[in-house]
């Protein structure tokens, strides 16, 4: 399994608006296409105005297939367009991480 770790930084004062827009327009689509959300968080300390979410995939091909299908959905395009029009994001990062052997054994046990 791989995990897509996504970090979004909103414009100051726009975190609640970003979360609300995401919840209504993007969350249902991501659950439909990506399915395996491992966590969705906002920061309370450290770099503020930040959202972190994690999505699990079997491998990079699984991720590519799922995200390509989601990107083809007109509702996803509408979400991206609305977010851009509102100027909510200032930075977006994503990283691919993989569980270590000892953690996988811990979860299995």
PDB file of N, CA and C in Angstrom:
ATOM      1  N   UNK A   1       0.831  -1.177   0.000  1.00  0.00           N
ATOM      2  CA  UNK A   1       0.000   0.000   0.000  1.00  0.00           C
ATOM      3  C   UNK A   1       0.880   1.247   0.000  1.00  0.00           C
ATOM      4  N   UNK A   2       0.395   2.288  -0.703  1.00  0.00           N
ATOM      5  CA  UNK A   2       1.024   3.605  -0.621  1.00  0.00           C
ATOM      6  C   UNK A   2      -0.008   4.582  -0.070  1.00  0.00           C
ATOM      7  N   UNK A   3       0.480   5.657   0.505  1.00  0.00           N
ATOM      8  CA  UNK A   3      -0.389   6.701   1.035  1.00  0.00           C
ATOM      9  C   UNK A   3      -0.024   8.005   0.337  1.00  0.00           C
ATOM     10  N   UNK A   4      -1.041   8.667  -0.176  1.00  0.00           N
ATOM     11  CA  UNK A   4      -0.888   9.997  -0.764  1.00  0.00           C
ATOM     12  C   UNK A   4      -1.177  10.989   0.354  1.00  0.00           C
ATOM     13  N   UNK A   5      -0.137  11.634   0.846  1.00  0.00           N
ATOM     14  CA  UNK A   5      -0.227  12.628   1.919  1.00  0.00           C
ATOM     15  C   UNK A   5      -0.340  13.987   1.259  1.00  0.00           C
ATOM     16  N   UNK A   6      -1.468  14.658   1.458  1.00  0.00           N
ATOM     17  CA  UNK A   6      -1.731  15.931   0.802  1.00  0.00           C
ATOM     18  C   UNK A   6      -1.798  17.040   1.850  1.00  0.00           C
ATOM     19  N   UNK A   7      -1.112  18.152   1.572  1.00  0.00           N
ATOM     20  CA  UNK A   7      -1.057  19.275   2.495  1.00  0.00           C
ATOM     21  C   UNK A   7      -1.456  20.519   1.718  1.00  0.00           C
ATOM     22  N   UNK A   8      -2.504  21.184   2.194  1.00  0.00           N
ATOM     23  CA  UNK A   8      -3.022  22.383   1.538  1.00  0.00           C
ATOM     24  C   UNK A   8      -2.934  23.541   2.520  1.00  0.00           C
ATOM     25  N   UNK A   9      -2.421  24.668   2.060  1.00  0.00           N
ATOM     26  CA  UNK A   9      -2.374  25.878   2.870  1.00  0.00           C
ATOM     27  C   UNK A   9      -3.349  26.877   2.266  1.00  0.00           C
ATOM     28  N   UNK A  10      -4.278  27.338   3.098  1.00  0.00           N
ATOM     29  CA  UNK A  10      -5.262  28.307   2.621  1.00  0.00           C
ATOM     30  C   UNK A  10      -4.774  29.723   2.875  1.00  0.00           C
ATOM     31  N   UNK A  11      -5.400  30.656   2.198  1.00  0.00           N
ATOM     32  CA  UNK A  11      -5.143  32.067   2.480  1.00  0.00           C
ATOM     33  C   UNK A  11      -5.596  32.342   3.915  1.00  0.00           C
ATOM     34  N   UNK A  12      -4.937  33.259   4.618  1.00  0.00           N
ATOM     35  CA  UNK A  12      -5.347  33.571   5.993  1.00  0.00           C
ATOM     36  C   UNK A  12      -6.831  33.932   6.050  1.00  0.00           C
ATOM     37  N   UNK A  13      -7.502  33.367   7.026  1.00  0.00           N
ATOM     38  CA  UNK A  13      -8.921  33.613   7.223  1.00  0.00           C
ATOM     39  C   UNK A  13      -9.839  32.820   6.296  1.00  0.00           C
ATOM     40  N   UNK A  14      -9.271  31.951   5.462  1.00  0.00           N
ATOM     41  CA  UNK A  14     -10.069  31.214   4.481  1.00  0.00           C
ATOM     42  C   UNK A  14     -10.196  29.720   4.797  1.00  0.00           C
ATOM     43  N   UNK A  15      -9.629  29.281   5.914  1.00  0.00           N
ATOM     44  CA  UNK A  15      -9.656  27.848   6.226  1.00  0.00           C
ATOM     45  C   UNK A  15     -11.085  27.312   6.332  1.00  0.00           C
ATOM     46  N   UNK A  16     -11.930  27.976   7.096  1.00  0.00           N
ATOM     47  CA  UNK A  16     -13.308  27.492   7.274  1.00  0.00           C
ATOM     48  C   UNK A  16     -14.058  27.462   5.945  1.00  0.00           C
ATOM     49  N   UNK A  17     -13.840  28.456   5.119  1.00  0.00           N
ATOM     50  CA  UNK A  17     -14.503  28.491   3.806  1.00  0.00           C
ATOM     51  C   UNK A  17     -14.015  27.353   2.916  1.00  0.00           C
ATOM     52  N   UNK A  18     -12.695  27.085   2.946  1.00  0.00           N
ATOM     53  CA  UNK A  18     -12.146  25.973   2.169  1.00  0.00           C
ATOM     54  C   UNK A  18     -12.739  24.646   2.632  1.00  0.00           C
ATOM     55  N   UNK A  19     -12.767  24.427   3.942  1.00  0.00           N
ATOM     56  CA  UNK A  19     -13.298  23.169   4.481  1.00  0.00           C
ATOM     57  C   UNK A  19     -14.775  23.017   4.110  1.00  0.00           C
ATOM     58  N   UNK A  20     -15.541  24.078   4.199  1.00  0.00           N
ATOM     59  CA  UNK A  20     -16.960  24.022   3.861  1.00  0.00           C
ATOM     60  C   UNK A  20     -17.169  23.698   2.379  1.00  0.00           C
ATOM     61  N   UNK A  21     -16.424  24.373   1.512  1.00  0.00           N
ATOM     62  CA  UNK A  21     -16.526  24.093   0.080  1.00  0.00           C
ATOM     63  C   UNK A  21     -16.128  22.656  -0.213  1.00  0.00           C
ATOM     64  N   UNK A  22     -15.025  22.216   0.380  1.00  0.00           N
ATOM     65  CA  UNK A  22     -14.561  20.842   0.181  1.00  0.00           C
ATOM     66  C   UNK A  22     -15.634  19.850   0.631  1.00  0.00           C
ATOM     67  N   UNK A  23     -16.188  20.072   1.808  1.00  0.00           N
ATOM     68  CA  UNK A  23     -17.170  19.132   2.359  1.00  0.00           C
ATOM     69  C   UNK A  23     -18.386  18.986   1.442  1.00  0.00           C
ATOM     70  N   UNK A  24     -18.835  20.084   0.876  1.00  0.00           N
ATOM     71  CA  UNK A  24     -20.047  20.015   0.056  1.00  0.00           C
ATOM     72  C   UNK A  24     -19.776  19.568  -1.375  1.00  0.00           C
ATOM     73  N   UNK A  25     -18.652  19.987  -1.970  1.00  0.00           N
ATOM     74  CA  UNK A  25     -18.429  19.686  -3.383  1.00  0.00           C
ATOM     75  C   UNK A  25     -17.429  18.565  -3.652  1.00  0.00           C
ATOM     76  N   UNK A  26     -16.372  18.464  -2.855  1.00  0.00           N
ATOM     77  CA  UNK A  26     -15.297  17.521  -3.166  1.00  0.00           C
ATOM     78  C   UNK A  26     -15.371  16.218  -2.384  1.00  0.00           C
ATOM     79  N   UNK A  27     -15.716  16.287  -1.114  1.00  0.00           N
ATOM     80  CA  UNK A  27     -15.746  15.099  -0.257  1.00  0.00           C
ATOM     81  C   UNK A  27     -16.580  13.970  -0.868  1.00  0.00           C
ATOM     82  N   UNK A  28     -17.816  14.221  -1.317  1.00  0.00           N
ATOM     83  CA  UNK A  28     -18.597  13.124  -1.899  1.00  0.00           C
ATOM     84  C   UNK A  28     -17.919  12.499  -3.127  1.00  0.00           C
ATOM     85  N   UNK A  29     -17.282  13.327  -3.942  1.00  0.00           N
ATOM     86  CA  UNK A  29     -16.608  12.808  -5.133  1.00  0.00           C
ATOM     87  C   UNK A  29     -15.379  11.994  -4.767  1.00  0.00           C
ATOM     88  N   UNK A  30     -14.608  12.485  -3.812  1.00  0.00           N
ATOM     89  CA  UNK A  30     -13.406  11.742  -3.434  1.00  0.00           C
ATOM     90  C   UNK A  30     -13.761  10.417  -2.773  1.00  0.00           C
ATOM     91  N   UNK A  31     -14.809  10.401  -1.987  1.00  0.00           N
ATOM     92  CA  UNK A  31     -15.238   9.118  -1.414  1.00  0.00           C
ATOM     93  C   UNK A  31     -15.687   8.158  -2.510  1.00  0.00           C
ATOM     94  N   UNK A  32     -16.370   8.679  -3.513  1.00  0.00           N
ATOM     95  CA  UNK A  32     -16.857   7.849  -4.623  1.00  0.00           C
ATOM     96  C   UNK A  32     -15.696   7.260  -5.432  1.00  0.00           C
ATOM     97  N   UNK A  33     -14.722   8.079  -5.782  1.00  0.00           N
ATOM     98  CA  UNK A  33     -13.650   7.642  -6.679  1.00  0.00           C
ATOM     99  C   UNK A  33     -12.414   7.114  -5.960  1.00  0.00           C
ATOM    100  N   UNK A  34     -12.009   7.779  -4.887  1.00  0.00           N
ATOM    101  CA  UNK A  34     -10.767   7.394  -4.208  1.00  0.00           C
ATOM    102  C   UNK A  34     -11.007   6.364  -3.119  1.00  0.00           C
ATOM    103  N   UNK A  35     -12.143   6.440  -2.462  1.00  0.00           N
ATOM    104  CA  UNK A  35     -12.666   5.491  -1.482  1.00  0.00           C
ATOM    105  C   UNK A  35     -11.938   5.419  -0.147  1.00  0.00           C
ATOM    106  N   UNK A  36     -10.625   5.306  -0.134  1.00  0.00           N
ATOM    107  CA  UNK A  36      -9.906   4.947   1.088  1.00  0.00           C
ATOM    108  C   UNK A  36      -9.258   6.154   1.773  1.00  0.00           C
ATOM    109  N   UNK A  37     -10.084   6.987   2.416  1.00  0.00           N
ATOM    110  CA  UNK A  37      -9.542   8.121   3.159  1.00  0.00           C
ATOM    111  C   UNK A  37      -9.015   7.619   4.497  1.00  0.00           C
ATOM    112  N   UNK A  38      -7.757   7.914   4.782  1.00  0.00           N
ATOM    113  CA  UNK A  38      -7.129   7.471   6.027  1.00  0.00           C
ATOM    114  C   UNK A  38      -7.146   8.557   7.099  1.00  0.00           C
ATOM    115  N   UNK A  39      -7.496   9.772   6.713  1.00  0.00           N
ATOM    116  CA  UNK A  39      -7.574  10.863   7.677  1.00  0.00           C
ATOM    117  C   UNK A  39      -7.717  12.190   6.973  1.00  0.00           C
ATOM    118  N   UNK A  40      -8.385  13.111   7.634  1.00  0.00           N
ATOM    119  CA  UNK A  40      -8.612  14.461   7.095  1.00  0.00           C
ATOM    120  C   UNK A  40      -8.573  15.413   8.287  1.00  0.00           C
ATOM    121  N   UNK A  41      -7.582  16.308   8.311  1.00  0.00           N
ATOM    122  CA  UNK A  41      -7.305  17.113   9.500  1.00  0.00           C
ATOM    123  C   UNK A  41      -7.049  18.579   9.168  1.00  0.00           C
ATOM    124  N   UNK A  42      -7.262  19.439  10.146  1.00  0.00           N
ATOM    125  CA  UNK A  42      -6.797  20.823  10.080  1.00  0.00           C
ATOM    126  C   UNK A  42      -5.822  21.027  11.236  1.00  0.00           C
ATOM    127  N   UNK A  43      -4.849  21.893  11.023  1.00  0.00           N
ATOM    128  CA  UNK A  43      -3.854  22.114  12.077  1.00  0.00           C
ATOM    129  C   UNK A  43      -4.419  22.996  13.185  1.00  0.00           C
ATOM    130  N   UNK A  44      -3.955  22.718  14.381  1.00  0.00           N
ATOM    131  CA  UNK A  44      -4.323  23.535  15.539  1.00  0.00           C
ATOM    132  C   UNK A  44      -3.092  24.202  16.137  1.00  0.00           C
ATOM    133  N   UNK A  45      -1.921  23.760  15.727  1.00  0.00           N
ATOM    134  CA  UNK A  45      -0.669  24.330  16.201  1.00  0.00           C
ATOM    135  C   UNK A  45       0.363  24.135  15.107  1.00  0.00           C
ATOM    136  N   UNK A  46       1.357  24.989  15.042  1.00  0.00           N
ATOM    137  CA  UNK A  46       2.339  24.917  13.973  1.00  0.00           C
ATOM    138  C   UNK A  46       1.908  25.832  12.839  1.00  0.00           C
ATOM    139  N   UNK A  47       2.174  25.427  11.610  1.00  0.00           N
ATOM    140  CA  UNK A  47       1.761  26.240  10.454  1.00  0.00           C
ATOM    141  C   UNK A  47       0.238  26.241  10.364  1.00  0.00           C
ATOM    142  N   UNK A  48      -0.350  27.410  10.579  1.00  0.00           N
ATOM    143  CA  UNK A  48      -1.808  27.520  10.603  1.00  0.00           C
ATOM    144  C   UNK A  48      -2.375  27.582   9.191  1.00  0.00           C
ATOM    145  N   UNK A  49      -3.699  27.574   9.102  1.00  0.00           N
ATOM    146  CA  UNK A  49      -4.404  27.620   7.825  1.00  0.00           C
ATOM    147  C   UNK A  49      -4.038  26.428   6.947  1.00  0.00           C
ATOM    148  N   UNK A  50      -3.833  25.285   7.575  1.00  0.00           N
ATOM    149  CA  UNK A  50      -3.368  24.105   6.857  1.00  0.00           C
ATOM    150  C   UNK A  50      -4.331  22.939   7.031  1.00  0.00           C
ATOM    151  N   UNK A  51      -4.542  22.242   5.922  1.00  0.00           N
ATOM    152  CA  UNK A  51      -5.343  21.018   5.881  1.00  0.00           C
ATOM    153  C   UNK A  51      -4.414  19.886   5.476  1.00  0.00           C
ATOM    154  N   UNK A  52      -4.535  18.751   6.154  1.00  0.00           N
ATOM    155  CA  UNK A  52      -3.761  17.555   5.817  1.00  0.00           C
ATOM    156  C   UNK A  52      -4.748  16.417   5.627  1.00  0.00           C
ATOM    157  N   UNK A  53      -4.627  15.729   4.497  1.00  0.00           N
ATOM    158  CA  UNK A  53      -5.438  14.527   4.334  1.00  0.00           C
ATOM    159  C   UNK A  53      -4.608  13.435   3.688  1.00  0.00           C
ATOM    160  N   UNK A  54      -5.001  12.201   3.977  1.00  0.00           N
ATOM    161  CA  UNK A  54      -4.259  11.021   3.540  1.00  0.00           C
ATOM    162  C   UNK A  54      -5.212  10.058   2.841  1.00  0.00           C
ATOM    163  N   UNK A  55      -4.750   9.518   1.707  1.00  0.00           N
ATOM    164  CA  UNK A  55      -5.548   8.579   0.923  1.00  0.00           C
ATOM    165  C   UNK A  55      -4.707   7.341   0.650  1.00  0.00           C
ATOM    166  N   UNK A  56      -5.274   6.173   0.906  1.00  0.00           N
ATOM    167  CA  UNK A  56      -4.560   4.918   0.700  1.00  0.00           C
ATOM    168  C   UNK A  56      -4.887   4.304  -0.651  1.00  0.00           C
ATOM    169  N   UNK A  57      -3.865   3.753  -1.286  1.00  0.00           N
ATOM    170  CA  UNK A  57      -4.002   3.083  -2.584  1.00  0.00           C
ATOM    171  C   UNK A  57      -3.200   1.792  -2.571  1.00  0.00           C
ATOM    172  N   UNK A  58      -3.597   0.860  -3.399  1.00  0.00           N
ATOM    173  CA  UNK A  58      -2.840  -0.389  -3.517  1.00  0.00           C
ATOM    174  C   UNK A  58      -1.440  -0.115  -4.047  1.00  0.00           C
ATOM    175  N   UNK A  59      -1.339   0.778  -5.027  1.00  0.00           N
ATOM    176  CA  UNK A  59      -0.060   1.144  -5.640  1.00  0.00           C
ATOM    177  C   UNK A  59      -0.269   2.406  -6.468  1.00  0.00           C
ATOM    178  N   UNK A  60       0.768   2.875  -7.143  1.00  0.00           N
ATOM    179  CA  UNK A  60       0.653   4.111  -7.923  1.00  0.00           C
ATOM    180  C   UNK A  60      -0.312   3.960  -9.099  1.00  0.00           C
ATOM    181  N   UNK A  61      -0.390   2.772  -9.683  1.00  0.00           N
ATOM    182  CA  UNK A  61      -1.327   2.547 -10.789  1.00  0.00           C
ATOM    183  C   UNK A  61      -2.772   2.663 -10.298  1.00  0.00           C
ATOM    184  N   UNK A  62      -3.045   2.157  -9.107  1.00  0.00           N
ATOM    185  CA  UNK A  62      -4.376   2.274  -8.517  1.00  0.00           C
ATOM    186  C   UNK A  62      -4.711   3.747  -8.298  1.00  0.00           C
ATOM    187  N   UNK A  63      -3.766   4.497  -7.757  1.00  0.00           N
ATOM    188  CA  UNK A  63      -3.975   5.931  -7.542  1.00  0.00           C
ATOM    189  C   UNK A  63      -4.252   6.633  -8.862  1.00  0.00           C
ATOM    190  N   UNK A  64      -3.443   6.358  -9.864  1.00  0.00           N
ATOM    191  CA  UNK A  64      -3.599   7.003 -11.161  1.00  0.00           C
ATOM    192  C   UNK A  64      -4.971   6.693 -11.763  1.00  0.00           C
ATOM    193  N   UNK A  65      -5.397   5.458 -11.707  1.00  0.00           N
ATOM    194  CA  UNK A  65      -6.692   5.060 -12.253  1.00  0.00           C
ATOM    195  C   UNK A  65      -7.825   5.797 -11.552  1.00  0.00           C
ATOM    196  N   UNK A  66      -7.782   5.833 -10.236  1.00  0.00           N
ATOM    197  CA  UNK A  66      -8.843   6.472  -9.455  1.00  0.00           C
ATOM    198  C   UNK A  66      -8.881   7.993  -9.664  1.00  0.00           C
ATOM    199  N   UNK A  67      -7.721   8.623  -9.651  1.00  0.00           N
ATOM    200  CA  UNK A  67      -7.692  10.078  -9.799  1.00  0.00           C
ATOM    201  C   UNK A  67      -8.038  10.502 -11.227  1.00  0.00           C
ATOM    202  N   UNK A  68      -7.685   9.684 -12.217  1.00  0.00           N
ATOM    203  CA  UNK A  68      -8.058   9.974 -13.597  1.00  0.00           C
ATOM    204  C   UNK A  68      -9.571   9.915 -13.763  1.00  0.00           C
ATOM    205  N   UNK A  69     -10.198   8.912 -13.171  1.00  0.00           N
ATOM    206  CA  UNK A  69     -11.665   8.805 -13.236  1.00  0.00           C
ATOM    207  C   UNK A  69     -12.325  10.004 -12.560  1.00  0.00           C
ATOM    208  N   UNK A  70     -11.799  10.405 -11.414  1.00  0.00           N
ATOM    209  CA  UNK A  70     -12.366  11.549 -10.703  1.00  0.00           C
ATOM    210  C   UNK A  70     -12.191  12.837 -11.521  1.00  0.00           C
ATOM    211  N   UNK A  71     -11.027  13.009 -12.116  1.00  0.00           N
ATOM    212  CA  UNK A  71     -10.756  14.217 -12.900  1.00  0.00           C
ATOM    213  C   UNK A  71     -11.679  14.326 -14.111  1.00  0.00           C
ATOM    214  N   UNK A  72     -12.161  13.199 -14.615  1.00  0.00           N
ATOM    215  CA  UNK A  72     -13.065  13.204 -15.771  1.00  0.00           C
ATOM    216  C   UNK A  72     -14.501  13.571 -15.393  1.00  0.00           C
ATOM    217  N   UNK A  73     -14.810  13.569 -14.106  1.00  0.00           N
ATOM    218  CA  UNK A  73     -16.165  13.897 -13.647  1.00  0.00           C
ATOM    219  C   UNK A  73     -16.343  15.418 -13.712  1.00  0.00           C
ATOM    220  N   UNK A  74     -17.349  15.911 -14.441  1.00  0.00           N
ATOM    221  CA  UNK A  74     -17.566  17.361 -14.527  1.00  0.00           C
ATOM    222  C   UNK A  74     -17.754  18.028 -13.160  1.00  0.00           C
ATOM    223  N   UNK A  75     -18.282  17.304 -12.188  1.00  0.00           N
ATOM    224  CA  UNK A  75     -18.470  17.876 -10.853  1.00  0.00           C
ATOM    225  C   UNK A  75     -17.125  18.192 -10.201  1.00  0.00           C
ATOM    226  N   UNK A  76     -16.084  17.402 -10.502  1.00  0.00           N
ATOM    227  CA  UNK A  76     -14.752  17.687  -9.966  1.00  0.00           C
ATOM    228  C   UNK A  76     -14.213  18.983 -10.575  1.00  0.00           C
ATOM    229  N   UNK A  77     -14.400  19.147 -11.876  1.00  0.00           N
ATOM    230  CA  UNK A  77     -13.991  20.384 -12.537  1.00  0.00           C
ATOM    231  C   UNK A  77     -14.704  21.597 -11.964  1.00  0.00           C
ATOM    232  N   UNK A  78     -15.986  21.434 -11.654  1.00  0.00           N
ATOM    233  CA  UNK A  78     -16.759  22.534 -11.058  1.00  0.00           C
ATOM    234  C   UNK A  78     -16.201  22.909  -9.691  1.00  0.00           C
ATOM    235  N   UNK A  79     -15.808  21.899  -8.900  1.00  0.00           N
ATOM    236  CA  UNK A  79     -15.210  22.162  -7.587  1.00  0.00           C
ATOM    237  C   UNK A  79     -13.898  22.938  -7.739  1.00  0.00           C
ATOM    238  N   UNK A  80     -13.032  22.477  -8.634  1.00  0.00           N
ATOM    239  CA  UNK A  80     -11.745  23.148  -8.832  1.00  0.00           C
ATOM    240  C   UNK A  80     -11.943  24.590  -9.294  1.00  0.00           C
ATOM    241  N   UNK A  81     -12.894  24.801 -10.197  1.00  0.00           N
ATOM    242  CA  UNK A  81     -13.175  26.137 -10.708  1.00  0.00           C
ATOM    243  C   UNK A  81     -13.676  27.059  -9.593  1.00  0.00           C
ATOM    244  N   UNK A  82     -14.570  26.545  -8.764  1.00  0.00           N
ATOM    245  CA  UNK A  82     -15.117  27.349  -7.663  1.00  0.00           C
ATOM    246  C   UNK A  82     -14.028  27.702  -6.649  1.00  0.00           C
ATOM    247  N   UNK A  83     -13.192  26.731  -6.301  1.00  0.00           N
ATOM    248  CA  UNK A  83     -12.102  27.007  -5.365  1.00  0.00           C
ATOM    249  C   UNK A  83     -11.136  28.049  -5.897  1.00  0.00           C
ATOM    250  N   UNK A  84     -10.816  27.959  -7.199  1.00  0.00           N
ATOM    251  CA  UNK A  84      -9.913  28.935  -7.812  1.00  0.00           C
ATOM    252  C   UNK A  84     -10.547  30.326  -7.835  1.00  0.00           C
ATOM    253  N   UNK A  85     -11.838  30.381  -8.152  1.00  0.00           N
ATOM    254  CA  UNK A  85     -12.534  31.676  -8.208  1.00  0.00           C
ATOM    255  C   UNK A  85     -12.543  32.365  -6.850  1.00  0.00           C
ATOM    256  N   UNK A  86     -12.600  31.579  -5.794  1.00  0.00           N
ATOM    257  CA  UNK A  86     -12.621  32.157  -4.443  1.00  0.00           C
ATOM    258  C   UNK A  86     -11.229  32.488  -3.918  1.00  0.00           C
ATOM    259  N   UNK A  87     -10.175  32.011  -4.587  1.00  0.00           N
ATOM    260  CA  UNK A  87      -8.811  32.287  -4.150  1.00  0.00           C
ATOM    261  C   UNK A  87      -8.487  31.721  -2.782  1.00  0.00           C
ATOM    262  N   UNK A  88      -8.910  30.481  -2.528  1.00  0.00           N
ATOM    263  CA  UNK A  88      -8.774  29.906  -1.193  1.00  0.00           C
ATOM    264  C   UNK A  88      -7.384  29.359  -0.887  1.00  0.00           C
ATOM    265  N   UNK A  89      -6.705  28.815  -1.880  1.00  0.00           N
ATOM    266  CA  UNK A  89      -5.428  28.150  -1.624  1.00  0.00           C
ATOM    267  C   UNK A  89      -4.236  29.010  -2.008  1.00  0.00           C
ATOM    268  N   UNK A  90      -3.175  28.908  -1.197  1.00  0.00           N
ATOM    269  CA  UNK A  90      -1.922  29.581  -1.530  1.00  0.00           C
ATOM    270  C   UNK A  90      -0.805  28.578  -1.801  1.00  0.00           C
ATOM    271  N   UNK A  91      -0.980  27.338  -1.316  1.00  0.00           N
ATOM    272  CA  UNK A  91       0.060  26.325  -1.516  1.00  0.00           C
ATOM    273  C   UNK A  91      -0.565  24.940  -1.436  1.00  0.00           C
ATOM    274  N   UNK A  92      -0.042  24.029  -2.243  1.00  0.00           N
ATOM    275  CA  UNK A  92      -0.518  22.651  -2.243  1.00  0.00           C
ATOM    276  C   UNK A  92       0.684  21.733  -2.402  1.00  0.00           C
ATOM    277  N   UNK A  93       0.758  20.707  -1.564  1.00  0.00           N
ATOM    278  CA  UNK A  93       1.847  19.730  -1.633  1.00  0.00           C
ATOM    279  C   UNK A  93       1.255  18.337  -1.596  1.00  0.00           C
ATOM    280  N   UNK A  94       1.939  17.386  -2.202  1.00  0.00           N
ATOM    281  CA  UNK A  94       1.583  16.002  -1.933  1.00  0.00           C
ATOM    282  C   UNK A  94       2.845  15.148  -1.939  1.00  0.00           C
ATOM    283  N   UNK A  95       2.796  14.131  -1.107  1.00  0.00           N
ATOM    284  CA  UNK A  95       3.922  13.212  -0.933  1.00  0.00           C
ATOM    285  C   UNK A  95       3.383  11.797  -0.934  1.00  0.00           C
ATOM    286  N   UNK A  96       4.152  10.881  -1.462  1.00  0.00           N
ATOM    287  CA  UNK A  96       3.779   9.470  -1.398  1.00  0.00           C
ATOM    288  C   UNK A  96       4.621   8.824  -0.315  1.00  0.00           C
ATOM    289  N   UNK A  97       3.950   8.184   0.613  1.00  0.00           N
ATOM    290  CA  UNK A  97       4.644   7.490   1.692  1.00  0.00           C
ATOM    291  C   UNK A  97       4.162   6.044   1.726  1.00  0.00           C
ATOM    292  N   UNK A  98       4.962   5.206   2.329  1.00  0.00           N
ATOM    293  CA  UNK A  98       4.664   3.780   2.413  1.00  0.00           C
ATOM    294  C   UNK A  98       4.895   3.328   3.852  1.00  0.00           C
ATOM    295  N   UNK A  99       4.018   2.459   4.381  1.00  0.00           N
ATOM    296  CA  UNK A  99       4.228   1.983   5.756  1.00  0.00           C
ATOM    297  C   UNK A  99       5.519   1.167   5.872  1.00  0.00           C
ATOM    298  N   UNK A 100       6.163   1.275   7.011  1.00  0.00           N
ATOM    299  CA  UNK A 100       7.335   0.454   7.267  1.00  0.00           C
ATOM    300  C   UNK A 100       6.908  -0.965   7.623  1.00  0.00           C
ATOM    301  N   UNK A 101       7.836  -1.892   7.551  1.00  0.00           N
ATOM    302  CA  UNK A 101       7.548  -3.279   7.881  1.00  0.00           C
ATOM    303  C   UNK A 101       7.057  -3.449   9.307  1.00  0.00           C
ATOM    304  N   UNK A 102       7.710  -2.783  10.266  1.00  0.00           N
ATOM    305  CA  UNK A 102       7.301  -2.963  11.660  1.00  0.00           C
ATOM    306  C   UNK A 102       5.913  -2.386  11.928  1.00  0.00           C
ATOM    307  N   UNK A 103       5.555  -1.298  11.229  1.00  0.00           N
ATOM    308  CA  UNK A 103       4.215  -0.740  11.428  1.00  0.00           C
ATOM    309  C   UNK A 103       3.169  -1.677  10.819  1.00  0.00           C
ATOM    310  N   UNK A 104       3.451  -2.217   9.676  1.00  0.00           N
ATOM    311  CA  UNK A 104       2.516  -3.157   9.039  1.00  0.00           C
ATOM    312  C   UNK A 104       2.285  -4.370   9.944  1.00  0.00           C
ATOM    313  N   UNK A 105       3.351  -4.860  10.570  1.00  0.00           N
ATOM    314  CA  UNK A 105       3.219  -5.999  11.495  1.00  0.00           C
ATOM    315  C   UNK A 105       2.385  -5.594  12.709  1.00  0.00           C
ATOM    316  N   UNK A 106       2.609  -4.377  13.216  1.00  0.00           N
ATOM    317  CA  UNK A 106       1.842  -3.867  14.357  1.00  0.00           C
ATOM    318  C   UNK A 106       0.361  -3.801  14.013  1.00  0.00           C
ATOM    319  N   UNK A 107       0.016  -3.254  12.849  1.00  0.00           N
ATOM    320  CA  UNK A 107      -1.402  -3.142  12.446  1.00  0.00           C
ATOM    321  C   UNK A 107      -2.024  -4.517  12.244  1.00  0.00           C
ATOM    322  N   UNK A 108      -1.254  -5.461  11.742  1.00  0.00           N
ATOM    323  CA  UNK A 108      -1.772  -6.811  11.492  1.00  0.00           C
ATOM    324  C   UNK A 108      -2.009  -7.556  12.799  1.00  0.00           C
ATOM    325  N   UNK A 109      -1.212  -7.223  13.829  1.00  0.00           N
ATOM    326  CA  UNK A 109      -1.286  -7.939  15.097  1.00  0.00           C
ATOM    327  C   UNK A 109      -2.320  -7.352  15.978  1.00  0.00           C
TER     328      UNK A 109
END
